[in-house]
Amino acid sequence: MKLFIAGHQGMVGAALVRRFGREPGVTLVVRTRHELDLSNPAAVASFYADARPDAAIIAAAKVGGIHANATYPADFLFDNLAIAANTIHGAHRAGVPRLLFLGSSCIYPKHAPQPMPESCLLTGPLEPTNEAYAIAKIAGLKLAQAFRHQHGVLYHSAMPTNLYGPGDNYHLQNSHVLPALIRKFHEAKTAGHSEVVAWGSGTTRREFLHVDDLADACAHLLKLENPPDWINVGTGTDVTIRELTETVAAVTGFNGRVTWDATKPDGTPRKLLDVSRLTGLGWRAKIGLRAGIESTCASFLAEQAAGRLRT
């Protein structure tokens, strides 16, 4: 199988390269942003026509945390709509028979039942702080579903929960909560600070999936003959942000005080995926949260030492 991985230089794409790079019979096709502008439909069409992949995984996206999503909603909506439209439509025009589009758990309503089943999509309002990104991902999911139903191509989607792992973005304001905490506590420890201020109340609950587990789930889904149009990918368990913060503090070796700035937004009260459909198809996450945080902290230090840290 000749497999195109869109977004191979990002955290998710790099994990996919690691996973499929050891899969027998798979030849990887990748392009950097400079080589292929996914927001340019003509460029994407030309690439597909030349490369002729047998399958594609669309892991490319403009991503960020609460602050980034709330500050740049037009960018998040437009850029992610363009990526989804061009990669899915372009694949069909070039005769690519199989495609896996990666979305996000933020597609589900803010007050969705917990854990969130796939069936709750479009049953209520979205979380305002990441609405633009969610709408773009919903559009991509529905576009893949529409091509499958109208044209018979095997285009389907996976909706991962909050991801973390090697190659994450550690920007203190624009990153997601876990990498931001890793950097914040590491820098506080290094500087000898006695206090770290964490955002929000600490009571919200989140589910976290190591990116290598997601890559393994994608490999499992691509082997299914009749996968669902979209499926949740997660661990099925969650923790409070306070518990997460305490774990990161312990792993990084920070022994000071943690205080909470309740003026900062919490976001959705809880985001736990119902993963029963995926477990019923034979896949479960393997990397525990503590072990995953430990390995990610080690990656953070290695990337920092090598001058490759994304900030």
Protein backbone atom coordinates (compact mmCIF):
# COMPACT_ATOMS: atom_id res chain seq x y z
CA MET A 1 0.00 0.00 0.00
CA LYS A 2 1.24 3.47 -0.93
CA LEU A 3 0.08 5.66 1.97
CA PHE A 4 -0.04 9.47 1.94
CA ILE A 5 0.22 11.05 5.39
CA ALA A 6 -0.82 14.70 5.28
CA GLY A 7 0.81 16.70 8.05
CA HIS A 8 3.68 14.28 8.72
CA GLN A 9 5.81 16.91 10.46
CA GLY A 10 3.26 17.60 13.18
CA MET A 11 2.90 15.63 16.39
CA VAL A 12 0.18 13.35 15.03
CA GLY A 13 1.71 12.96 11.59
CA ALA A 14 5.11 12.07 13.03
CA ALA A 15 3.49 9.37 15.17
CA LEU A 16 1.78 8.00 12.07
CA VAL A 17 5.12 7.90 10.25
CA ARG A 18 6.65 5.99 13.18
CA ARG A 19 3.77 3.51 13.22
CA PHE A 20 3.35 2.88 9.51
CA GLY A 21 7.09 2.99 8.89
CA ARG A 22 7.31 -0.42 10.53
CA GLU A 23 4.20 -1.82 8.82
CA PRO A 24 5.13 -4.48 6.24
CA GLY A 25 4.17 -3.63 2.68
CA VAL A 26 3.52 0.07 3.32
CA THR A 27 5.33 2.77 1.32
CA LEU A 28 4.97 6.22 2.85
CA VAL A 29 4.32 9.33 0.77
CA VAL A 30 4.95 12.64 2.55
CA ARG A 31 5.37 16.28 1.60
CA THR A 32 6.49 19.25 3.67
CA ARG A 33 4.47 22.46 3.80
CA HIS A 34 6.96 24.04 1.41
CA GLU A 35 6.54 21.18 -1.04
CA LEU A 36 2.74 21.04 -0.87
CA ASP A 37 0.37 23.80 0.24
CA LEU A 38 -2.76 21.96 1.37
CA SER A 39 -4.75 25.20 1.25
CA ASN A 40 -4.16 25.38 -2.53
CA PRO A 41 -6.65 23.11 -4.35
CA ALA A 42 -4.68 23.10 -7.61
CA ALA A 43 -1.49 22.09 -5.81
CA VAL A 44 -3.28 19.30 -3.95
CA ALA A 45 -4.90 18.02 -7.15
CA SER A 46 -1.54 17.98 -8.92
CA PHE A 47 0.06 16.10 -6.04
CA TYR A 48 -2.60 13.39 -5.99
CA ALA A 49 -2.40 12.99 -9.76
CA ASP A 50 1.37 12.50 -9.61
CA ALA A 51 1.70 10.45 -6.42
CA ARG A 52 -1.34 8.18 -6.90
CA PRO A 53 -1.52 6.91 -3.31
CA ASP A 54 -3.68 3.90 -2.44
CA ALA A 55 -4.78 5.51 0.81
CA ALA A 56 -4.48 8.81 2.67
CA ILE A 57 -4.57 9.84 6.31
CA ILE A 58 -5.40 13.52 6.79
CA ALA A 59 -3.57 14.54 9.96
CA ALA A 60 -2.75 18.07 8.82
CA ALA A 61 -4.54 20.83 10.75
CA LYS A 62 -4.13 24.21 12.35
CA VAL A 63 -4.31 23.40 16.06
CA GLY A 64 -4.06 25.18 19.40
CA GLY A 65 -5.47 25.48 22.90
CA ILE A 66 -8.25 27.61 24.39
CA HIS A 67 -6.37 30.90 24.04
CA ALA A 68 -5.37 30.32 20.41
CA ASN A 69 -8.84 29.16 19.36
CA ALA A 70 -10.56 32.10 21.04
CA THR A 71 -8.10 34.65 19.63
CA TYR A 72 -7.89 33.45 16.02
CA PRO A 73 -11.29 31.90 15.15
CA ALA A 74 -11.24 33.02 11.50
CA ASP A 75 -7.84 31.42 10.94
CA PHE A 76 -8.87 28.16 12.60
CA LEU A 77 -12.10 27.94 10.64
CA PHE A 78 -10.78 28.92 7.21
CA ASP A 79 -7.49 27.03 7.30
CA ASN A 80 -9.03 23.79 8.52
CA LEU A 81 -11.96 24.00 6.11
CA ALA A 82 -9.52 24.45 3.24
CA ILE A 83 -7.37 21.50 4.30
CA ALA A 84 -10.38 19.21 4.66
CA ALA A 85 -12.03 20.25 1.39
CA ASN A 86 -8.88 20.07 -0.72
CA THR A 87 -7.53 16.79 0.61
CA ILE A 88 -10.83 14.90 0.52
CA HIS A 89 -12.13 16.25 -2.80
CA GLY A 90 -8.68 15.98 -4.37
CA ALA A 91 -8.37 12.36 -3.28
CA HIS A 92 -11.67 11.46 -4.89
CA ARG A 93 -10.86 13.24 -8.16
CA ALA A 94 -7.56 11.34 -8.36
CA GLY A 95 -9.20 7.99 -7.69
CA VAL A 96 -7.76 7.39 -4.22
CA PRO A 97 -9.94 4.55 -2.91
CA ARG A 98 -9.43 4.95 0.84
CA LEU A 99 -9.04 7.94 3.15
CA LEU A 100 -9.01 8.42 6.93
CA PHE A 101 -9.79 11.95 8.12
CA LEU A 102 -8.72 12.88 11.65
CA GLY A 103 -11.03 15.14 13.61
CA SER A 104 -11.32 15.95 17.30
CA SER A 105 -13.56 15.29 20.29
CA CYS A 106 -14.43 19.01 20.31
CA ILE A 107 -16.94 18.30 17.51
CA TYR A 108 -19.46 17.19 20.13
CA PRO A 109 -21.85 19.57 21.95
CA LYS A 110 -20.61 21.42 25.03
CA HIS A 111 -23.20 19.71 27.21
CA ALA A 112 -23.16 16.32 25.51
CA PRO A 113 -23.92 13.23 27.59
CA GLN A 114 -20.84 11.81 29.30
CA PRO A 115 -19.18 9.73 28.02
CA MET A 116 -19.91 11.14 24.56
CA PRO A 117 -21.17 8.63 21.96
CA GLU A 118 -20.75 9.18 18.24
CA SER A 119 -24.52 9.63 17.99
CA CYS A 120 -24.51 12.93 19.93
CA LEU A 121 -22.94 14.82 17.01
CA LEU A 122 -24.96 17.94 16.06
CA THR A 123 -27.42 17.52 18.94
CA GLY A 124 -26.55 20.77 20.73
CA PRO A 125 -24.42 23.96 20.80
CA LEU A 126 -20.63 23.68 20.69
CA GLU A 127 -18.15 24.98 23.24
CA PRO A 128 -17.68 28.65 22.16
CA THR A 129 -13.92 28.74 22.82
CA ASN A 130 -13.18 26.18 20.10
CA GLU A 131 -16.29 26.47 17.95
CA ALA A 132 -14.42 27.52 14.78
CA TYR A 133 -12.07 24.53 14.86
CA ALA A 134 -14.94 22.17 15.69
CA ILE A 135 -17.09 23.39 12.79
CA ALA A 136 -14.23 22.82 10.35
CA LYS A 137 -13.70 19.30 11.67
CA ILE A 138 -17.42 18.53 11.49
CA ALA A 139 -17.42 19.72 7.88
CA GLY A 140 -14.49 17.43 7.08
CA LEU A 141 -16.17 14.47 8.74
CA LYS A 142 -19.41 15.08 6.87
CA LEU A 143 -17.58 15.60 3.59
CA ALA A 144 -15.84 12.24 3.94
CA GLN A 145 -19.19 10.64 4.80
CA ALA A 146 -20.87 12.26 1.80
CA PHE A 147 -18.21 11.05 -0.65
CA ARG A 148 -18.51 7.55 0.77
CA HIS A 149 -22.28 7.48 0.45
CA GLN A 150 -22.50 9.19 -2.93
CA HIS A 151 -19.48 7.69 -4.68
CA GLY A 152 -18.80 4.44 -2.81
CA VAL A 153 -15.24 5.32 -1.80
CA LEU A 154 -14.08 4.10 1.60
CA TYR A 155 -13.63 7.49 3.25
CA HIS A 156 -14.10 7.52 7.02
CA SER A 157 -13.05 9.53 10.08
CA ALA A 158 -11.55 9.10 13.53
CA MET A 159 -12.29 11.49 16.39
CA PRO A 160 -9.43 11.40 18.91
CA THR A 161 -9.62 12.84 22.39
CA ASN A 162 -6.97 15.27 23.75
CA LEU A 163 -3.60 14.16 22.39
CA TYR A 164 -0.09 14.51 23.76
CA GLY A 165 3.36 13.07 23.13
CA PRO A 166 6.68 13.67 21.35
CA GLY A 167 6.83 16.71 19.09
CA ASP A 168 4.03 18.60 20.81
CA ASN A 169 3.74 22.41 20.78
CA TYR A 170 4.95 23.87 24.09
CA HIS A 171 3.91 27.49 23.61
CA LEU A 172 2.72 28.74 27.02
CA GLN A 173 -0.40 30.46 25.64
CA ASN A 174 -1.23 28.79 22.31
CA SER A 175 -0.57 25.14 23.21
CA HIS A 176 -2.88 22.58 24.80
CA VAL A 177 -3.02 22.12 28.55
CA LEU A 178 -0.66 19.18 29.04
CA PRO A 179 2.37 20.46 27.08
CA ALA A 180 1.86 23.93 28.55
CA LEU A 181 1.98 22.42 32.06
CA ILE A 182 5.12 20.42 31.26
CA ARG A 183 6.95 23.53 30.10
CA LYS A 184 5.60 25.71 32.91
CA PHE A 185 6.66 23.32 35.67
CA HIS A 186 10.02 22.56 34.10
CA GLU A 187 10.86 26.25 33.80
CA ALA A 188 9.64 26.95 37.34
CA LYS A 189 11.84 24.17 38.70
CA THR A 190 14.86 25.32 36.67
CA ALA A 191 14.42 28.93 37.82
CA GLY A 192 13.88 27.93 41.45
CA HIS A 193 10.39 29.40 41.67
CA SER A 194 8.28 28.48 44.68
CA GLU A 195 4.90 28.90 42.97
CA VAL A 196 3.20 28.04 39.69
CA VAL A 197 -0.13 29.60 38.67
CA ALA A 198 -2.46 27.25 36.80
CA TRP A 199 -5.42 28.35 34.70
CA GLY A 200 -9.06 27.88 35.72
CA SER A 201 -10.61 26.13 38.68
CA GLY A 202 -8.95 22.75 38.19
CA THR A 203 -12.29 20.95 38.45
CA THR A 204 -12.92 20.33 34.76
CA ARG A 205 -12.27 16.80 33.57
CA ARG A 206 -10.31 15.76 30.50
CA GLU A 207 -9.31 12.55 28.76
CA PHE A 208 -5.78 12.23 27.37
CA LEU A 209 -4.48 9.85 24.70
CA HIS A 210 -0.84 9.35 23.82
CA VAL A 211 -0.27 10.11 20.15
CA ASP A 212 1.39 6.73 19.56
CA ASP A 213 -1.82 5.05 20.71
CA LEU A 214 -3.75 7.14 18.18
CA ALA A 215 -1.38 6.06 15.41
CA ASP A 216 -1.90 2.43 16.38
CA ALA A 217 -5.68 2.93 16.32
CA CYS A 218 -5.41 4.39 12.80
CA ALA A 219 -3.51 1.33 11.65
CA HIS A 220 -6.27 -0.83 13.12
CA LEU A 221 -9.02 1.18 11.42
CA LEU A 222 -7.35 1.04 8.00
CA LYS A 223 -7.41 -2.76 8.18
CA LEU A 224 -11.18 -2.89 8.70
CA GLU A 225 -13.24 -3.75 5.64
CA ASN A 226 -16.29 -1.76 6.73
CA PRO A 227 -15.38 0.84 9.37
CA PRO A 228 -17.97 3.27 10.76
CA ASP A 229 -18.27 6.66 9.04
CA TRP A 230 -16.69 8.14 12.15
CA ILE A 231 -15.48 6.63 15.39
CA ASN A 232 -14.19 7.89 18.74
CA VAL A 233 -10.59 7.16 19.71
CA GLY A 234 -9.66 7.52 23.37
CA THR A 235 -8.88 5.74 26.60
CA GLY A 236 -12.38 5.80 28.09
CA THR A 237 -11.07 7.37 31.33
CA ASP A 238 -10.52 10.97 32.42
CA VAL A 239 -8.93 13.05 35.20
CA THR A 240 -9.51 16.50 36.64
CA ILE A 241 -7.17 19.25 35.48
CA ARG A 242 -6.06 19.51 39.11
CA GLU A 243 -5.07 15.83 39.11
CA LEU A 244 -3.29 16.27 35.80
CA THR A 245 -1.44 19.32 37.12
CA GLU A 246 -0.31 17.47 40.25
CA THR A 247 0.94 14.57 38.13
CA VAL A 248 2.94 16.84 35.82
CA ALA A 249 4.40 18.68 38.82
CA ALA A 250 5.51 15.38 40.33
CA VAL A 251 6.99 14.03 37.10
CA THR A 252 8.95 17.23 36.42
CA GLY A 253 10.20 17.34 40.00
CA PHE A 254 8.59 20.67 40.93
CA ASN A 255 8.11 20.80 44.69
CA GLY A 256 6.62 24.28 45.07
CA ARG A 257 3.05 25.52 45.51
CA VAL A 258 0.34 25.44 42.82
CA THR A 259 -2.30 28.19 42.88
CA TRP A 260 -5.31 28.52 40.61
CA ASP A 261 -6.37 31.58 38.60
CA ALA A 262 -10.15 31.18 38.43
CA THR A 263 -10.47 34.25 36.17
CA LYS A 264 -9.11 32.15 33.30
CA PRO A 265 -11.63 30.04 31.32
CA ASP A 266 -12.16 26.36 32.06
CA GLY A 267 -13.71 25.41 28.72
CA THR A 268 -16.11 22.48 28.48
CA PRO A 269 -16.88 21.03 31.94
CA ARG A 270 -16.11 17.48 30.85
CA LYS A 271 -14.97 15.77 27.65
CA LEU A 272 -14.93 12.00 27.92
CA LEU A 273 -15.42 9.87 24.83
CA ASP A 274 -17.54 6.75 24.68
CA VAL A 275 -15.06 4.34 23.08
CA SER A 276 -17.25 1.25 23.24
CA ARG A 277 -17.62 1.13 19.45
CA LEU A 278 -13.84 1.01 18.95
CA THR A 279 -13.25 -1.52 21.72
CA GLY A 280 -15.98 -3.64 20.13
CA LEU A 281 -13.89 -3.60 16.94
CA GLY A 282 -10.90 -4.96 18.82
CA TRP A 283 -8.73 -1.97 19.80
CA ARG A 284 -7.82 -0.45 23.20
CA ALA A 285 -5.29 2.17 24.27
CA LYS A 286 -2.11 0.73 25.80
CA ILE A 287 -0.16 3.69 27.22
CA GLY A 288 -1.16 4.78 30.75
CA LEU A 289 -1.31 8.50 31.55
CA ARG A 290 1.51 8.57 34.12
CA ALA A 291 3.83 6.55 31.88
CA GLY A 292 2.86 8.70 28.91
CA ILE A 293 3.61 11.93 30.78
CA GLU A 294 6.98 10.55 31.90
CA SER A 295 7.99 9.65 28.35
CA THR A 296 6.69 12.98 27.03
CA CYS A 297 8.70 14.92 29.62
CA ALA A 298 11.78 13.00 28.50
CA SER A 299 10.99 13.93 24.89
CA PHE A 300 10.51 17.56 25.92
CA LEU A 301 13.98 17.67 27.47
CA ALA A 302 15.56 15.94 24.46
CA GLU A 303 13.86 18.28 21.99
CA GLN A 304 14.90 21.28 24.06
CA ALA A 305 18.51 20.11 24.23
CA ALA A 306 18.58 19.54 20.47
CA GLY A 307 17.05 22.94 19.71
CA ARG A 308 13.96 21.33 18.14
CA LEU A 309 11.38 22.38 20.73
CA ARG A 310 8.18 23.74 19.17
CA THR A 311 7.24 26.92 20.99
